[in-house]
Amino acid sequence: MKLLIPIILLSVAMAQANPTSFKTGVIVISYDKIKHPEKAMTPEQTKAILKEMQQQRNDEEKIAVIKAKLNSKEVGITINQLATFMNQFLTDDSKITVAKYAFEYTTNYKSFLDLTNLFSREEYKDALEDFYKKNK
């Protein structure tokens, strides 16, 4: 018993000097389902964005145009409209960047995988499929 008391006191003193806290519980990860817009932009709006994209010097500037114009869930974009925009890019990197950004604004997102045909390299097609599976 005499030996047990000093051990307990030493343990208490060490716990106070260097406390470690453990939180018990369950980690819950909840994903909010993306609410896609119901209404797509008009053909006139699409043409205006396309014209502005064509006036840009590089892919980064074209991406900036899309992000500036496509930023409201009130008016979305169809997969065909998105494909038209994606065809303006030179690289698969730019295409996948735009596709991922625009996904939440697509009105007919169940056709999203149709966009895989726009990529020249298989790894981008796979990356788009993985993105869709995680976000649908």
Protein backbone atom coordinates (compact mmCIF):
# COMPACT_ATOMS: atom_id res chain seq x y z
CA MET A 1 0.00 0.00 0.00
CA LYS A 2 2.87 2.36 0.85
CA LEU A 3 4.27 1.83 -2.65
CA LEU A 4 0.92 2.35 -4.34
CA ILE A 5 0.28 5.84 -2.92
CA PRO A 6 3.47 7.41 -4.38
CA ILE A 7 2.74 5.83 -7.75
CA ILE A 8 -0.77 7.28 -7.75
CA LEU A 9 0.52 10.70 -6.69
CA LEU A 10 3.22 10.63 -9.36
CA SER A 11 0.64 9.65 -12.00
CA VAL A 12 -1.66 12.49 -10.96
CA ALA A 13 1.21 15.00 -11.00
CA MET A 14 2.32 13.90 -14.47
CA ALA A 15 -1.22 14.07 -15.81
CA GLN A 16 -1.53 17.65 -14.56
CA ALA A 17 1.85 18.64 -15.99
CA ASN A 18 1.25 17.10 -19.41
CA PRO A 19 -2.45 16.62 -19.90
CA THR A 20 -3.67 14.76 -22.89
CA SER A 21 -7.28 14.79 -23.74
CA PHE A 22 -9.13 12.17 -25.60
CA LYS A 23 -12.53 12.86 -27.00
CA THR A 24 -14.72 9.91 -27.45
CA GLY A 25 -17.47 9.81 -29.95
CA VAL A 26 -18.34 8.98 -33.46
CA ILE A 27 -17.17 11.05 -36.36
CA VAL A 28 -20.04 11.64 -38.70
CA ILE A 29 -19.31 12.87 -42.17
CA SER A 30 -22.34 14.19 -43.89
CA TYR A 31 -22.47 15.13 -47.49
CA ASP A 32 -25.04 17.59 -48.62
CA LYS A 33 -26.46 16.53 -51.92
CA ILE A 34 -25.75 19.11 -54.57
CA LYS A 35 -28.86 20.97 -55.63
CA HIS A 36 -28.56 21.45 -59.36
CA PRO A 37 -30.38 24.31 -61.10
CA GLU A 38 -33.55 23.51 -62.97
CA LYS A 39 -33.24 26.19 -65.65
CA ALA A 40 -30.38 26.39 -68.14
CA MET A 41 -29.00 29.50 -69.79
CA THR A 42 -30.49 30.54 -73.09
CA PRO A 43 -28.77 29.95 -76.44
CA GLU A 44 -28.09 33.70 -76.57
CA GLN A 45 -26.33 33.60 -73.19
CA THR A 46 -24.30 30.60 -74.34
CA LYS A 47 -23.23 32.41 -77.51
CA ALA A 48 -22.22 35.50 -75.54
CA ILE A 49 -20.02 33.44 -73.19
CA LEU A 50 -18.54 31.53 -76.11
CA LYS A 51 -17.71 34.79 -77.90
CA GLU A 52 -16.04 36.17 -74.79
CA MET A 53 -14.04 32.96 -74.34
CA GLN A 54 -12.84 33.12 -77.93
CA GLN A 55 -11.46 36.60 -77.31
CA GLN A 56 -9.17 35.33 -74.55
CA ARG A 57 -5.50 34.55 -75.11
CA ASN A 58 -5.12 31.35 -73.09
CA ASP A 59 -6.96 28.62 -71.23
CA GLU A 60 -6.59 30.31 -67.84
CA GLU A 61 -8.39 33.40 -69.09
CA LYS A 62 -11.11 31.25 -70.64
CA ILE A 63 -11.60 29.43 -67.34
CA ALA A 64 -11.90 32.81 -65.61
CA VAL A 65 -14.69 33.78 -68.04
CA ILE A 66 -16.63 30.62 -67.24
CA LYS A 67 -16.21 31.08 -63.50
CA ALA A 68 -17.34 34.70 -63.75
CA LYS A 69 -20.40 33.89 -65.84
CA LEU A 70 -21.38 30.61 -64.25
CA ASN A 71 -21.76 31.44 -60.59
CA SER A 72 -25.45 31.31 -59.80
CA LYS A 73 -27.76 28.37 -59.26
CA GLU A 74 -30.63 30.40 -60.70
CA VAL A 75 -29.48 29.76 -64.25
CA GLY A 76 -27.45 26.67 -64.95
CA ILE A 77 -25.89 24.97 -67.93
CA THR A 78 -26.73 21.87 -69.92
CA ILE A 79 -24.16 19.19 -70.66
CA ASN A 80 -24.27 20.17 -74.35
CA GLN A 81 -23.56 23.80 -73.51
CA LEU A 82 -20.71 22.73 -71.24
CA ALA A 83 -19.29 20.52 -74.01
CA THR A 84 -19.33 23.52 -76.35
CA PHE A 85 -17.31 25.52 -73.83
CA MET A 86 -14.92 22.63 -73.14
CA ASN A 87 -14.13 22.34 -76.84
CA GLN A 88 -12.55 25.80 -76.65
CA PHE A 89 -9.70 24.51 -74.50
CA LEU A 90 -6.39 23.20 -75.75
CA THR A 91 -5.53 20.86 -72.89
CA ASP A 92 -7.28 18.11 -71.00
CA ASP A 93 -6.16 19.81 -67.77
CA SER A 94 -8.26 22.84 -68.59
CA LYS A 95 -11.18 20.75 -69.74
CA ILE A 96 -11.34 18.75 -66.53
CA THR A 97 -10.99 21.90 -64.43
CA VAL A 98 -14.00 23.42 -66.15
CA ALA A 99 -16.02 20.21 -66.04
CA LYS A 100 -15.47 19.82 -62.29
CA TYR A 101 -16.26 23.47 -61.64
CA ALA A 102 -19.41 23.46 -63.75
CA PHE A 103 -20.80 20.17 -62.39
CA GLU A 104 -22.87 21.79 -59.65
CA TYR A 105 -24.40 24.16 -62.21
CA THR A 106 -25.47 21.46 -64.68
CA THR A 107 -29.18 20.98 -65.18
CA ASN A 108 -28.95 17.49 -66.66
CA TYR A 109 -26.05 16.19 -64.57
CA LYS A 110 -27.03 12.56 -65.12
CA SER A 111 -25.53 12.93 -68.61
CA PHE A 112 -22.27 14.29 -67.15
CA LEU A 113 -20.23 11.26 -68.21
CA ASP A 114 -20.97 12.10 -71.86
CA LEU A 115 -18.18 14.63 -71.43
CA THR A 116 -15.56 11.86 -71.21
CA ASN A 117 -15.60 11.75 -75.02
CA LEU A 118 -13.99 15.21 -75.07
CA PHE A 119 -10.78 14.02 -73.44
CA SER A 120 -7.91 12.67 -75.46
CA ARG A 121 -6.16 10.88 -72.60
CA GLU A 122 -7.60 7.95 -70.70
CA GLU A 123 -6.49 9.17 -67.26
CA TYR A 124 -8.67 12.27 -67.62
CA LYS A 125 -11.64 10.15 -68.59
CA ASP A 126 -11.06 8.04 -65.48
CA ALA A 127 -10.64 11.13 -63.31
CA LEU A 128 -13.94 12.55 -64.56
CA GLU A 129 -15.71 9.25 -63.87
CA ASP A 130 -14.27 9.17 -60.33
CA PHE A 131 -15.34 12.76 -59.76
CA TYR A 132 -18.86 11.99 -60.92
CA LYS A 133 -19.16 8.91 -58.69
CA LYS A 134 -18.13 10.95 -55.65
CA ASN A 135 -20.39 13.90 -56.40
CA LYS A 136 -23.54 12.57 -58.03
